[in-house]
Structure formats: C-alpha cells, structure tokens
Protein backbone atom coordinates (compact mmCIF):
# COMPACT_ATOMS: atom_id res chain seq x y z
CA UNK A 1 -202.75 -41.40 -11.03
CA UNK A 2 -203.17 -39.19 -14.07
CA UNK A 3 -206.33 -38.36 -15.95
CA UNK A 4 -205.97 -41.54 -18.24
CA UNK A 5 -205.72 -43.79 -14.95
CA UNK A 6 -202.07 -44.42 -15.33
CA UNK A 7 -200.47 -45.04 -11.81
CA UNK A 8 -197.09 -43.70 -10.86
CA UNK A 9 -195.21 -45.62 -8.13
CA UNK A 10 -192.01 -44.27 -6.22
CA UNK A 11 -189.58 -45.91 -3.90
CA UNK A 12 -185.97 -46.79 -3.00
CA UNK A 13 -183.95 -49.62 -4.40
CA UNK A 14 -180.38 -51.12 -3.94
CA UNK A 15 -178.32 -53.41 -6.18
CA UNK A 16 -180.38 -54.55 -9.09
CA UNK A 17 -184.15 -54.59 -9.63
CA UNK A 18 -186.66 -55.63 -12.30
CA UNK A 19 -189.14 -52.86 -12.58
CA UNK A 20 -191.50 -54.69 -15.01
CA UNK A 21 -194.23 -56.32 -12.89
CA UNK A 22 -195.26 -58.57 -15.90
CA UNK A 23 -193.27 -61.19 -17.86
CA UNK A 24 -191.03 -58.57 -19.33
CA UNK A 25 -187.71 -57.50 -17.82
CA UNK A 26 -186.70 -53.77 -17.10
CA UNK A 27 -183.59 -54.04 -14.98
CA UNK A 28 -182.06 -50.99 -13.19
CA UNK A 29 -178.89 -51.21 -11.01
CA UNK A 30 -178.30 -48.66 -8.23
CA UNK A 31 -175.29 -46.32 -8.37
CA UNK A 32 -175.33 -45.21 -4.77
CA UNK A 33 -176.06 -47.42 -1.59
CA UNK A 34 -179.87 -46.62 -2.29
CA UNK A 35 -181.32 -44.99 -5.28
CA UNK A 36 -184.81 -43.69 -5.86
CA UNK A 37 -187.08 -44.68 -8.85
CA UNK A 38 -190.47 -43.70 -10.37
CA UNK A 39 -192.31 -46.06 -12.39
CA UNK A 40 -195.33 -45.60 -14.58
CA UNK A 41 -198.02 -48.33 -14.97
CA UNK A 42 -201.17 -48.35 -17.10
CA UNK A 43 -204.58 -48.60 -15.41
CA UNK A 44 -204.30 -52.41 -15.85
CA UNK A 45 -200.89 -52.56 -14.25
CA UNK A 46 -198.85 -52.96 -17.38
CA UNK A 47 -195.38 -51.39 -17.35
CA UNK A 48 -194.80 -48.21 -19.37
CA UNK A 49 -191.53 -46.87 -17.99
CA UNK A 50 -189.19 -46.56 -15.01
CA UNK A 51 -186.64 -43.80 -14.18
CA UNK A 52 -183.80 -43.91 -11.61
CA UNK A 53 -182.92 -40.82 -9.60
CA UNK A 54 -179.47 -41.73 -8.49
CA UNK A 55 -176.31 -40.34 -7.17
CA UNK A 56 -173.05 -41.24 -5.34
CA UNK A 57 -174.82 -41.25 -1.94
CA UNK A 58 -178.06 -42.51 -0.44
CA UNK A 59 -181.32 -41.24 -1.78
CA UNK A 60 -184.73 -41.50 -0.42
CA UNK A 61 -188.31 -40.71 -1.31
CA UNK A 62 -191.07 -39.16 0.81
CA UNK A 63 -194.65 -40.09 1.06
CA UNK A 64 -196.81 -38.25 -1.35
CA UNK A 65 -200.02 -40.00 -0.59
CA UNK A 66 -202.78 -40.67 -3.09
CA UNK A 67 -202.30 -37.82 -5.59
CA UNK A 68 -204.08 -37.31 -8.80
CA UNK A 69 -201.92 -35.63 -11.54
C-alpha cells in the first residue's frame, strides 16, 4: 500500500489472465510456463495498471508481507 492508499498485488500466472477485477478487460498472456505480475489498484479496488515480469523460463514471486510503500 502506498501513501495514497493504492494497493499493489503480485503473483504468478500462466496462459492468459484478465488483470482488471472490474468490468474492464486487461489481458496478459504468459511467455514462459509461469510469469510474474504486479498490479496496482486504487484504495477502492479499481484497476490502475498491471505489468508482467516474464522470460523464457518459469518465474515466481516471494512473499513480501504487508508492506507500506
């Protein structure tokens, strides 16, 4: 969470995924078997952006806990 209350979510996905939790669509397709993502949501849960961290091989995230940025 940042100072404005925006929330950042990280995880792993494969194949295609819609990152927008609302009615909009923001599709990302994996390059490797598993790719990492980071998504920014407003304090109300509205989608802001999502980025893929991808490569030819598997990628994974690690637990960062509840961090305030």
